[in-house]
Amino acid sequence: MKLRLSLASCVLALAVLGNVASASAWAPEGSATIHPGSMLFTNASSFLGGASQCTANFVYTDASGAVYIGQAAHCSSTGESTETNGCTSKSLPLGTKVYTGELVNGVIQDGTLVGKMTYNSWLTMQSKKEKDANTCAYNDLAVIKVEPNQVANVNPTVPFWGGPNGLAASASAQGEQIFTYGNSVLRLGVSALSPKTGVSLGDQEESGGWSQQLYTVSPGIPGDSGSGFMNASGNALGVLSTVEAAPLPASNGVGTLAKELAYANQATGLGIQVAPGTTAFSSVPVPPAE
């Protein structure tokens, strides 16, 4: 059994709140407000009614220089956490607004419109009438096109670890060390609990290469959904989708980003690719550049 990890409801004390870029135009890493690991709130206009909180995975760009940030497709789900089939599960529509914010003393501050959901694998698969069971079960990616007035606040570097250095070509090998940065609101803003490392259990054989199981020191929790995983080379490996109850309890189900991006680009023509971090990946963390 697997469960989605978006935080679909929060306590009421947590109140809401032409884009072209190049590497030289990114915001300084230490002051960027939109980056991998940012808290993202989908449909935050109804936050007190239960806006979903997830964690951003990676920054993406297209050939025109437009800037996007990624989360899991299920972060816009309107169903139950046990509804994991993207070909049948309901979702908010494309164009849904996504916000970011910072948790200060248990309250979301600086709620800012990041952009609107431009791609959602669930909605795309449903419109295409996708029939492949593995694709339906494990393809779990959404991207938000960053508002023009927010592009200058974006940096593609993963906090704590640096990177990504590029895109991993496939799932990680069994035993390979992996790295991630979750940012659940349930951690109450304690950033020291966000970076994690662990080990890959390899490709889930039944997934057809769409998913891999990874163990971290502590498993992902609701709100970590959508966060990015990197392999030992610092390449963008996957997107946190589920926590597994069986056959390997508390392992993380992580979608293979290379396959998810390929599907998105083939289906929509978006042509998005992972934006490398402005600080190179290191398994020994380095402080952010100012």
C-alpha atoms as a PDB file:
ATOM      1  CA  MET A   1       0.000   0.000   0.000  1.00  0.00           C
ATOM      2  CA  LYS A   2       1.231   3.511  -0.753  1.00  0.00           C
ATOM      3  CA  LEU A   3       0.041   6.917   0.399  1.00  0.00           C
ATOM      4  CA  ARG A   4       0.499  10.301  -1.208  1.00  0.00           C
ATOM      5  CA  LEU A   5       2.462  12.814   0.843  1.00  0.00           C
ATOM      6  CA  SER A   6       0.879  16.190   0.155  1.00  0.00           C
ATOM      7  CA  LEU A   7      -0.372  18.060   3.194  1.00  0.00           C
ATOM      8  CA  ALA A   8      -3.975  18.586   2.176  1.00  0.00           C
ATOM      9  CA  SER A   9      -5.103  20.278   5.383  1.00  0.00           C
ATOM     10  CA  CYS A  10      -3.358  22.355   8.062  1.00  0.00           C
ATOM     11  CA  VAL A  11      -4.275  23.762  11.461  1.00  0.00           C
ATOM     12  CA  LEU A  12      -6.006  27.120  11.342  1.00  0.00           C
ATOM     13  CA  ALA A  13      -3.056  28.801  13.067  1.00  0.00           C
ATOM     14  CA  LEU A  14      -1.160  28.467   9.786  1.00  0.00           C
ATOM     15  CA  ALA A  15      -2.690  31.396   7.870  1.00  0.00           C
ATOM     16  CA  VAL A  16      -1.947  32.154   4.298  1.00  0.00           C
ATOM     17  CA  LEU A  17      -0.805  34.464   3.329  1.00  0.00           C
ATOM     18  CA  GLY A  18       7.357  37.486 -21.062  1.00  0.00           C
ATOM     19  CA  ASN A  19       9.757  35.627 -18.342  1.00  0.00           C
ATOM     20  CA  VAL A  20      13.317  35.139 -19.548  1.00  0.00           C
ATOM     21  CA  ALA A  21      16.241  34.072 -17.371  1.00  0.00           C
ATOM     22  CA  SER A  22      19.788  32.876 -17.778  1.00  0.00           C
ATOM     23  CA  ALA A  23      22.327  31.584 -15.283  1.00  0.00           C
ATOM     24  CA  SER A  24      23.686  35.111 -14.889  1.00  0.00           C
ATOM     25  CA  ALA A  25      20.194  36.394 -14.079  1.00  0.00           C
ATOM     26  CA  TRP A  26      19.402  34.043 -11.208  1.00  0.00           C
ATOM     27  CA  ALA A  27      18.834  35.598  -7.802  1.00  0.00           C
ATOM     28  CA  PRO A  28      21.686  35.132  -5.299  1.00  0.00           C
ATOM     29  CA  GLU A  29      21.307  31.736  -3.683  1.00  0.00           C
ATOM     30  CA  GLY A  30      21.207  33.148  -0.159  1.00  0.00           C
ATOM     31  CA  SER A  31      18.347  35.565  -0.844  1.00  0.00           C
ATOM     32  CA  ALA A  32      16.239  33.744  -3.461  1.00  0.00           C
ATOM     33  CA  THR A  33      12.646  33.205  -2.353  1.00  0.00           C
ATOM     34  CA  ILE A  34      11.766  30.625  -5.030  1.00  0.00           C
ATOM     35  CA  HIS A  35      14.050  27.604  -5.257  1.00  0.00           C
ATOM     36  CA  PRO A  36      14.171  23.827  -4.866  1.00  0.00           C
ATOM     37  CA  GLY A  37      12.922  23.080  -1.376  1.00  0.00           C
ATOM     38  CA  SER A  38      10.503  26.016  -1.227  1.00  0.00           C
ATOM     39  CA  MET A  39       7.175  25.390   0.479  1.00  0.00           C
ATOM     40  CA  LEU A  40       4.474  25.525  -2.172  1.00  0.00           C
ATOM     41  CA  PHE A  41       0.775  26.024  -1.468  1.00  0.00           C
ATOM     42  CA  THR A  42      -1.647  25.053  -4.226  1.00  0.00           C
ATOM     43  CA  ASN A  43      -4.920  26.952  -4.498  1.00  0.00           C
ATOM     44  CA  ALA A  44      -3.911  29.022  -1.467  1.00  0.00           C
ATOM     45  CA  SER A  45      -6.854  31.393  -1.843  1.00  0.00           C
ATOM     46  CA  SER A  46      -8.712  28.719   0.152  1.00  0.00           C
ATOM     47  CA  PHE A  47      -5.807  27.950   2.473  1.00  0.00           C
ATOM     48  CA  LEU A  48      -7.841  28.029   5.669  1.00  0.00           C
ATOM     49  CA  GLY A  49     -10.139  25.509   4.067  1.00  0.00           C
ATOM     50  CA  GLY A  50      -7.237  23.152   3.429  1.00  0.00           C
ATOM     51  CA  ALA A  51      -4.804  24.263   0.725  1.00  0.00           C
ATOM     52  CA  SER A  52      -2.314  21.550  -0.135  1.00  0.00           C
ATOM     53  CA  GLN A  53       1.306  22.140   0.923  1.00  0.00           C
ATOM     54  CA  CYS A  54       4.128  20.444  -0.936  1.00  0.00           C
ATOM     55  CA  THR A  55       7.852  20.962  -1.493  1.00  0.00           C
ATOM     56  CA  ALA A  56       9.339  22.245  -4.751  1.00  0.00           C
ATOM     57  CA  ASN A  57      11.742  19.837  -6.462  1.00  0.00           C
ATOM     58  CA  PHE A  58      13.779  21.543  -9.200  1.00  0.00           C
ATOM     59  CA  VAL A  59      13.745  24.648 -11.387  1.00  0.00           C
ATOM     60  CA  TYR A  60      13.205  24.162 -15.117  1.00  0.00           C
ATOM     61  CA  THR A  61      13.605  26.317 -18.216  1.00  0.00           C
ATOM     62  CA  ASP A  62      12.449  26.004 -21.807  1.00  0.00           C
ATOM     63  CA  ALA A  63      14.016  27.074 -25.094  1.00  0.00           C
ATOM     64  CA  SER A  64      12.532  30.560 -24.828  1.00  0.00           C
ATOM     65  CA  GLY A  65      14.032  31.060 -21.383  1.00  0.00           C
ATOM     66  CA  ALA A  66      10.737  30.782 -19.507  1.00  0.00           C
ATOM     67  CA  VAL A  67      11.183  29.615 -15.914  1.00  0.00           C
ATOM     68  CA  TYR A  68       9.214  26.888 -14.117  1.00  0.00           C
ATOM     69  CA  ILE A  69       9.337  25.193 -10.744  1.00  0.00           C
ATOM     70  CA  GLY A  70       8.208  21.627 -10.144  1.00  0.00           C
ATOM     71  CA  GLN A  71       6.070  19.788  -7.619  1.00  0.00           C
ATOM     72  CA  ALA A  72       4.206  16.483  -7.617  1.00  0.00           C
ATOM     73  CA  ALA A  73       1.053  16.190  -9.709  1.00  0.00           C
ATOM     74  CA  HIS A  74      -0.834  14.898  -6.692  1.00  0.00           C
ATOM     75  CA  CYS A  75      -0.218  18.194  -4.874  1.00  0.00           C
ATOM     76  CA  SER A  76      -3.291  19.466  -6.730  1.00  0.00           C
ATOM     77  CA  SER A  77      -5.349  16.345  -6.005  1.00  0.00           C
ATOM     78  CA  THR A  78      -8.949  16.820  -4.919  1.00  0.00           C
ATOM     79  CA  GLY A  79      -9.323  13.212  -3.773  1.00  0.00           C
ATOM     80  CA  GLU A  80      -8.121  11.091  -0.882  1.00  0.00           C
ATOM     81  CA  SER A  81      -4.456  10.374  -0.059  1.00  0.00           C
ATOM     82  CA  THR A  82      -5.025   6.728  -1.007  1.00  0.00           C
ATOM     83  CA  GLU A  83      -5.994   7.694  -4.587  1.00  0.00           C
ATOM     84  CA  THR A  84      -2.683   7.141  -6.361  1.00  0.00           C
ATOM     85  CA  ASN A  85      -3.666   6.274  -9.931  1.00  0.00           C
ATOM     86  CA  GLY A  86      -3.041   9.387 -11.995  1.00  0.00           C
ATOM     87  CA  CYS A  87      -5.281   8.182 -14.804  1.00  0.00           C
ATOM     88  CA  THR A  88      -8.380   8.161 -12.604  1.00  0.00           C
ATOM     89  CA  SER A  89      -7.674  10.541  -9.689  1.00  0.00           C
ATOM     90  CA  LYS A  90      -9.239  14.000  -9.749  1.00  0.00           C
ATOM     91  CA  SER A  91      -7.166  17.177  -9.782  1.00  0.00           C
ATOM     92  CA  LEU A  92      -7.526  20.932  -9.765  1.00  0.00           C
ATOM     93  CA  PRO A  93      -7.299  22.303 -13.329  1.00  0.00           C
ATOM     94  CA  LEU A  94      -4.387  23.794 -15.214  1.00  0.00           C
ATOM     95  CA  GLY A  95      -4.119  27.475 -14.391  1.00  0.00           C
ATOM     96  CA  THR A  96      -4.532  26.854 -10.657  1.00  0.00           C
ATOM     97  CA  LYS A  97      -2.484  29.378  -8.682  1.00  0.00           C
ATOM     98  CA  VAL A  98       0.456  28.219  -6.576  1.00  0.00           C
ATOM     99  CA  TYR A  99       1.985  30.284  -3.771  1.00  0.00           C
ATOM    100  CA  THR A 100       5.101  30.144  -1.660  1.00  0.00           C
ATOM    101  CA  GLY A 101       5.549  31.243   1.942  1.00  0.00           C
ATOM    102  CA  GLU A 102       7.803  31.065   4.963  1.00  0.00           C
ATOM    103  CA  LEU A 103       6.845  29.534   8.294  1.00  0.00           C
ATOM    104  CA  VAL A 104       7.495  31.960  11.177  1.00  0.00           C
ATOM    105  CA  ASN A 105       6.309  31.082  14.699  1.00  0.00           C
ATOM    106  CA  GLY A 106       3.758  28.663  13.292  1.00  0.00           C
ATOM    107  CA  VAL A 107       2.283  31.134  10.793  1.00  0.00           C
ATOM    108  CA  ILE A 108       2.834  31.293   7.040  1.00  0.00           C
ATOM    109  CA  GLN A 109       4.362  34.668   6.183  1.00  0.00           C
ATOM    110  CA  ASP A 110       5.001  36.413   2.878  1.00  0.00           C
ATOM    111  CA  GLY A 111       2.526  34.361   0.890  1.00  0.00           C
ATOM    112  CA  THR A 112       3.539  35.212  -2.692  1.00  0.00           C
ATOM    113  CA  LEU A 113       2.051  34.071  -5.982  1.00  0.00           C
ATOM    114  CA  VAL A 114       4.709  31.958  -7.684  1.00  0.00           C
ATOM    115  CA  GLY A 115       2.725  31.224 -10.813  1.00  0.00           C
ATOM    116  CA  LYS A 116       0.067  29.002 -12.318  1.00  0.00           C
ATOM    117  CA  MET A 117       0.110  25.264 -12.894  1.00  0.00           C
ATOM    118  CA  THR A 118       1.106  24.792 -16.534  1.00  0.00           C
ATOM    119  CA  TYR A 119       1.515  21.018 -16.681  1.00  0.00           C
ATOM    120  CA  ASN A 120       0.122  18.183 -14.598  1.00  0.00           C
ATOM    121  CA  SER A 121       0.882  14.562 -15.519  1.00  0.00           C
ATOM    122  CA  TRP A 122      -2.426  13.338 -14.117  1.00  0.00           C
ATOM    123  CA  LEU A 123      -4.480  15.729 -16.234  1.00  0.00           C
ATOM    124  CA  THR A 124      -2.344  15.019 -19.291  1.00  0.00           C
ATOM    125  CA  MET A 125      -2.669  11.251 -18.933  1.00  0.00           C
ATOM    126  CA  GLN A 126      -6.425  11.555 -18.536  1.00  0.00           C
ATOM    127  CA  SER A 127      -6.759  13.755 -21.611  1.00  0.00           C
ATOM    128  CA  LYS A 128      -4.609  11.293 -23.603  1.00  0.00           C
ATOM    129  CA  LYS A 129      -6.555   8.326 -22.208  1.00  0.00           C
ATOM    130  CA  GLU A 130      -3.277   6.731 -21.138  1.00  0.00           C
ATOM    131  CA  LYS A 131      -3.599   2.948 -20.818  1.00  0.00           C
ATOM    132  CA  ASP A 132      -0.198   1.833 -19.537  1.00  0.00           C
ATOM    133  CA  ALA A 133      -0.665   0.771 -15.910  1.00  0.00           C
ATOM    134  CA  ASN A 134       2.857   1.692 -14.815  1.00  0.00           C
ATOM    135  CA  THR A 135       2.640   5.153 -16.329  1.00  0.00           C
ATOM    136  CA  CYS A 136      -0.726   5.725 -14.648  1.00  0.00           C
ATOM    137  CA  ALA A 137       0.571   4.541 -11.276  1.00  0.00           C
ATOM    138  CA  TYR A 138       3.911   6.349 -11.104  1.00  0.00           C
ATOM    139  CA  ASN A 139       3.934   9.413 -13.400  1.00  0.00           C
ATOM    140  CA  ASP A 140       3.541  12.164 -10.784  1.00  0.00           C
ATOM    141  CA  LEU A 141       4.931  15.541 -11.907  1.00  0.00           C
ATOM    142  CA  ALA A 142       3.515  19.058 -12.210  1.00  0.00           C
ATOM    143  CA  VAL A 143       5.234  22.287 -13.187  1.00  0.00           C
ATOM    144  CA  ILE A 144       4.327  25.867 -12.380  1.00  0.00           C
ATOM    145  CA  LYS A 145       5.300  28.658 -14.778  1.00  0.00           C
ATOM    146  CA  VAL A 146       6.841  31.410 -12.680  1.00  0.00           C
ATOM    147  CA  GLU A 147       5.192  34.826 -12.927  1.00  0.00           C
ATOM    148  CA  PRO A 148       7.283  37.389 -14.861  1.00  0.00           C
ATOM    149  CA  ASN A 149       7.596  39.624 -11.802  1.00  0.00           C
ATOM    150  CA  GLN A 150       8.953  36.710  -9.737  1.00  0.00           C
ATOM    151  CA  VAL A 151      11.621  35.355 -12.117  1.00  0.00           C
ATOM    152  CA  ALA A 152      14.248  37.638 -10.543  1.00  0.00           C
ATOM    153  CA  ASN A 153      13.611  35.894  -7.202  1.00  0.00           C
ATOM    154  CA  VAL A 154      14.442  32.381  -8.503  1.00  0.00           C
ATOM    155  CA  ASN A 155      17.617  30.375  -7.913  1.00  0.00           C
ATOM    156  CA  PRO A 156      17.855  26.720  -9.068  1.00  0.00           C
ATOM    157  CA  THR A 157      20.264  25.542  -6.345  1.00  0.00           C
ATOM    158  CA  VAL A 158      19.160  22.835  -3.894  1.00  0.00           C
ATOM    159  CA  PRO A 159      19.622  24.134  -0.332  1.00  0.00           C
ATOM    160  CA  PHE A 160      22.296  22.517   1.826  1.00  0.00           C
ATOM    161  CA  TRP A 161      23.632  20.193  -0.900  1.00  0.00           C
ATOM    162  CA  GLY A 162      24.074  22.436  -3.935  1.00  0.00           C
ATOM    163  CA  GLY A 163      23.308  21.183  -7.422  1.00  0.00           C
ATOM    164  CA  PRO A 164      21.637  19.749  -9.315  1.00  0.00           C
ATOM    165  CA  ASN A 165      24.539  19.288 -11.706  1.00  0.00           C
ATOM    166  CA  GLY A 166      22.256  17.889 -14.418  1.00  0.00           C
ATOM    167  CA  LEU A 167      19.573  15.254 -15.019  1.00  0.00           C
ATOM    168  CA  ALA A 168      20.133  11.598 -14.092  1.00  0.00           C
ATOM    169  CA  ALA A 169      19.521   9.383 -17.111  1.00  0.00           C
ATOM    170  CA  SER A 170      17.652   6.687 -15.192  1.00  0.00           C
ATOM    171  CA  ALA A 171      16.773   5.310 -11.767  1.00  0.00           C
ATOM    172  CA  SER A 172      19.521   4.994  -9.175  1.00  0.00           C
ATOM    173  CA  ALA A 173      21.444   1.781  -8.635  1.00  0.00           C
ATOM    174  CA  GLN A 174      20.792  -0.373  -5.584  1.00  0.00           C
ATOM    175  CA  GLY A 175      23.050   0.762  -2.733  1.00  0.00           C
ATOM    176  CA  GLU A 176      23.780   4.182  -4.252  1.00  0.00           C
ATOM    177  CA  GLN A 177      23.753   7.121  -1.832  1.00  0.00           C
ATOM    178  CA  ILE A 178      21.004   9.674  -2.470  1.00  0.00           C
ATOM    179  CA  PHE A 179      20.316  13.211  -1.241  1.00  0.00           C
ATOM    180  CA  THR A 180      17.140  15.229  -0.742  1.00  0.00           C
ATOM    181  CA  TYR A 181      15.678  18.329   0.890  1.00  0.00           C
ATOM    182  CA  GLY A 182      12.115  18.138   2.211  1.00  0.00           C
ATOM    183  CA  ASN A 183      10.280  21.143   3.610  1.00  0.00           C
ATOM    184  CA  SER A 184       7.081  20.042   5.305  1.00  0.00           C
ATOM    185  CA  VAL A 185       5.137  22.604   7.288  1.00  0.00           C
ATOM    186  CA  LEU A 186       4.893  19.898   9.971  1.00  0.00           C
ATOM    187  CA  ARG A 187       8.571  20.501  10.816  1.00  0.00           C
ATOM    188  CA  LEU A 188       7.509  23.962  12.036  1.00  0.00           C
ATOM    189  CA  GLY A 189      10.249  25.742  10.141  1.00  0.00           C
ATOM    190  CA  VAL A 190      13.164  23.812  11.683  1.00  0.00           C
ATOM    191  CA  SER A 191      15.421  23.821   8.613  1.00  0.00           C
ATOM    192  CA  ALA A 192      17.987  21.495  10.208  1.00  0.00           C
ATOM    193  CA  LEU A 193      15.457  18.665   9.754  1.00  0.00           C
ATOM    194  CA  SER A 194      15.006  19.288   6.013  1.00  0.00           C
ATOM    195  CA  PRO A 195      18.212  17.913   4.399  1.00  0.00           C
ATOM    196  CA  LYS A 196      18.440  14.122   4.351  1.00  0.00           C
ATOM    197  CA  THR A 197      20.610  11.475   2.839  1.00  0.00           C
ATOM    198  CA  GLY A 198      20.051   7.768   2.468  1.00  0.00           C
ATOM    199  CA  VAL A 199      20.426   4.824   0.136  1.00  0.00           C
ATOM    200  CA  SER A 200      18.674   3.566  -2.959  1.00  0.00           C
ATOM    201  CA  LEU A 201      16.903   0.228  -2.978  1.00  0.00           C
ATOM    202  CA  GLY A 202      16.953   0.356  -6.771  1.00  0.00           C
ATOM    203  CA  ASP A 203      14.275   0.427  -9.432  1.00  0.00           C
ATOM    204  CA  GLN A 204      10.887  -0.963  -8.403  1.00  0.00           C
ATOM    205  CA  GLU A 205      10.749  -3.980 -10.688  1.00  0.00           C
ATOM    206  CA  GLU A 206       7.005  -3.732 -11.198  1.00  0.00           C
ATOM    207  CA  SER A 207       7.156  -0.052 -12.220  1.00  0.00           C
ATOM    208  CA  GLY A 208       8.857  -0.455 -15.597  1.00  0.00           C
ATOM    209  CA  GLY A 209      11.512   2.080 -14.642  1.00  0.00           C
ATOM    210  CA  TRP A 210       8.998   4.718 -13.565  1.00  0.00           C
ATOM    211  CA  SER A 211       9.756   4.535  -9.842  1.00  0.00           C
ATOM    212  CA  GLN A 212      12.448   3.613  -7.352  1.00  0.00           C
ATOM    213  CA  GLN A 213      12.447   2.967  -3.623  1.00  0.00           C
ATOM    214  CA  LEU A 214      14.773   4.999  -1.464  1.00  0.00           C
ATOM    215  CA  TYR A 215      15.455   4.929   2.263  1.00  0.00           C
ATOM    216  CA  THR A 216      16.416   8.082   4.129  1.00  0.00           C
ATOM    217  CA  VAL A 217      17.302   8.475   7.815  1.00  0.00           C
ATOM    218  CA  SER A 218      13.720   9.592   8.350  1.00  0.00           C
ATOM    219  CA  PRO A 219      11.132   8.944   5.639  1.00  0.00           C
ATOM    220  CA  GLY A 220       9.241  11.665   3.836  1.00  0.00           C
ATOM    221  CA  ILE A 221       6.249  13.087   5.671  1.00  0.00           C
ATOM    222  CA  PRO A 222       3.151  14.948   4.432  1.00  0.00           C
ATOM    223  CA  GLY A 223       4.335  18.263   3.003  1.00  0.00           C
ATOM    224  CA  ASP A 224       7.605  16.777   1.683  1.00  0.00           C
ATOM    225  CA  SER A 225       5.676  15.568  -1.388  1.00  0.00           C
ATOM    226  CA  GLY A 226       7.194  16.694  -4.651  1.00  0.00           C
ATOM    227  CA  SER A 227      10.652  17.288  -3.206  1.00  0.00           C
ATOM    228  CA  GLY A 228      13.611  16.423  -5.399  1.00  0.00           C
ATOM    229  CA  PHE A 229      16.133  13.626  -4.949  1.00  0.00           C
ATOM    230  CA  MET A 230      19.690  13.674  -6.342  1.00  0.00           C
ATOM    231  CA  ASN A 231      22.062  10.785  -6.897  1.00  0.00           C
ATOM    232  CA  ALA A 232      25.678  10.491  -5.771  1.00  0.00           C
ATOM    233  CA  SER A 233      26.784  12.551  -8.786  1.00  0.00           C
ATOM    234  CA  GLY A 234      24.475  15.397  -7.830  1.00  0.00           C
ATOM    235  CA  ASN A 235      22.137  14.814 -10.758  1.00  0.00           C
ATOM    236  CA  ALA A 236      18.375  15.313 -10.477  1.00  0.00           C
ATOM    237  CA  LEU A 237      17.080  11.803  -9.911  1.00  0.00           C
ATOM    238  CA  GLY A 238      13.442  11.881  -8.984  1.00  0.00           C
ATOM    239  CA  VAL A 239      10.403  13.383  -7.290  1.00  0.00           C
ATOM    240  CA  LEU A 240       9.010  12.190  -3.958  1.00  0.00           C
ATOM    241  CA  SER A 241       5.588  10.710  -4.569  1.00  0.00           C
ATOM    242  CA  THR A 242       4.643   8.234  -1.832  1.00  0.00           C
ATOM    243  CA  VAL A 243       5.639   6.649   1.442  1.00  0.00           C
ATOM    244  CA  GLU A 244       5.443   2.897   1.130  1.00  0.00           C
ATOM    245  CA  ALA A 245       3.641   0.780   3.735  1.00  0.00           C
ATOM    246  CA  ALA A 246       4.544  -2.452   1.908  1.00  0.00           C
ATOM    247  CA  PRO A 247       6.561  -4.388   0.952  1.00  0.00           C
ATOM    248  CA  LEU A 248       9.272  -2.148   2.462  1.00  0.00           C
ATOM    249  CA  PRO A 249       7.676  -0.051   5.225  1.00  0.00           C
ATOM    250  CA  ALA A 250       8.691   3.641   5.496  1.00  0.00           C
ATOM    251  CA  SER A 251      10.625   3.641   2.224  1.00  0.00           C
ATOM    252  CA  ASN A 252      10.089   6.547  -0.143  1.00  0.00           C
ATOM    253  CA  GLY A 253       8.480   5.968  -3.531  1.00  0.00           C
ATOM    254  CA  VAL A 254      10.320   8.343  -5.877  1.00  0.00           C
ATOM    255  CA  GLY A 255       9.307   8.850  -9.507  1.00  0.00           C
ATOM    256  CA  THR A 256      12.098   8.710 -12.097  1.00  0.00           C
ATOM    257  CA  LEU A 257      12.434  12.310 -13.283  1.00  0.00           C
ATOM    258  CA  ALA A 258      14.007  11.484 -16.655  1.00  0.00           C
ATOM    259  CA  LYS A 259      10.915   9.478 -17.648  1.00  0.00           C
ATOM    260  CA  GLU A 260       8.500  12.041 -16.193  1.00  0.00           C
ATOM    261  CA  LEU A 261      10.151  14.903 -18.091  1.00  0.00           C
ATOM    262  CA  ALA A 262      10.285  12.902 -21.310  1.00  0.00           C
ATOM    263  CA  TYR A 263       6.562  12.176 -21.021  1.00  0.00           C
ATOM    264  CA  ALA A 264       5.760  15.834 -20.320  1.00  0.00           C
ATOM    265  CA  ASN A 265       7.770  17.097 -23.261  1.00  0.00           C
ATOM    266  CA  GLN A 266       6.473  14.510 -25.710  1.00  0.00           C
ATOM    267  CA  ALA A 267       2.855  15.030 -24.680  1.00  0.00           C
ATOM    268  CA  THR A 268       2.845  18.825 -24.559  1.00  0.00           C
ATOM    269  CA  GLY A 269       5.851  20.124 -26.493  1.00  0.00           C
ATOM    270  CA  LEU A 270       6.910  22.211 -23.492  1.00  0.00           C
ATOM    271  CA  GLY A 271      10.566  21.337 -24.020  1.00  0.00           C
ATOM    272  CA  ILE A 272      11.523  21.938 -20.395  1.00  0.00           C
ATOM    273  CA  GLN A 273      14.833  20.865 -18.894  1.00  0.00           C
ATOM    274  CA  VAL A 274      16.412  20.913 -15.442  1.00  0.00           C
ATOM    275  CA  ALA A 275      18.252  24.150 -14.629  1.00  0.00           C
ATOM    276  CA  PRO A 276      21.641  23.437 -12.993  1.00  0.00           C
ATOM    277  CA  GLY A 277      22.321  24.959  -9.593  1.00  0.00           C
ATOM    278  CA  THR A 278      24.631  27.962  -9.357  1.00  0.00           C
ATOM    279  CA  THR A 279      26.586  26.084  -6.673  1.00  0.00           C
ATOM    280  CA  ALA A 280      27.898  22.640  -7.589  1.00  0.00           C
ATOM    281  CA  PHE A 281      26.607  19.645  -5.658  1.00  0.00           C
ATOM    282  CA  SER A 282      28.667  18.433  -2.709  1.00  0.00           C
ATOM    283  CA  SER A 283      27.972  15.580  -0.308  1.00  0.00           C
ATOM    284  CA  VAL A 284      29.756  17.803   2.220  1.00  0.00           C
ATOM    285  CA  PRO A 285      27.371  20.772   2.502  1.00  0.00           C
ATOM    286  CA  VAL A 286      28.572  24.273   1.701  1.00  0.00           C
ATOM    287  CA  PRO A 287      26.984  27.567   2.844  1.00  0.00           C
ATOM    288  CA  PRO A 288      24.848  29.369   0.241  1.00  0.00           C
ATOM    289  CA  ALA A 289      26.500  32.014  -1.915  1.00  0.00           C
ATOM    290  CA  GLU A 290      25.404  35.567  -1.167  1.00  0.00           C
END
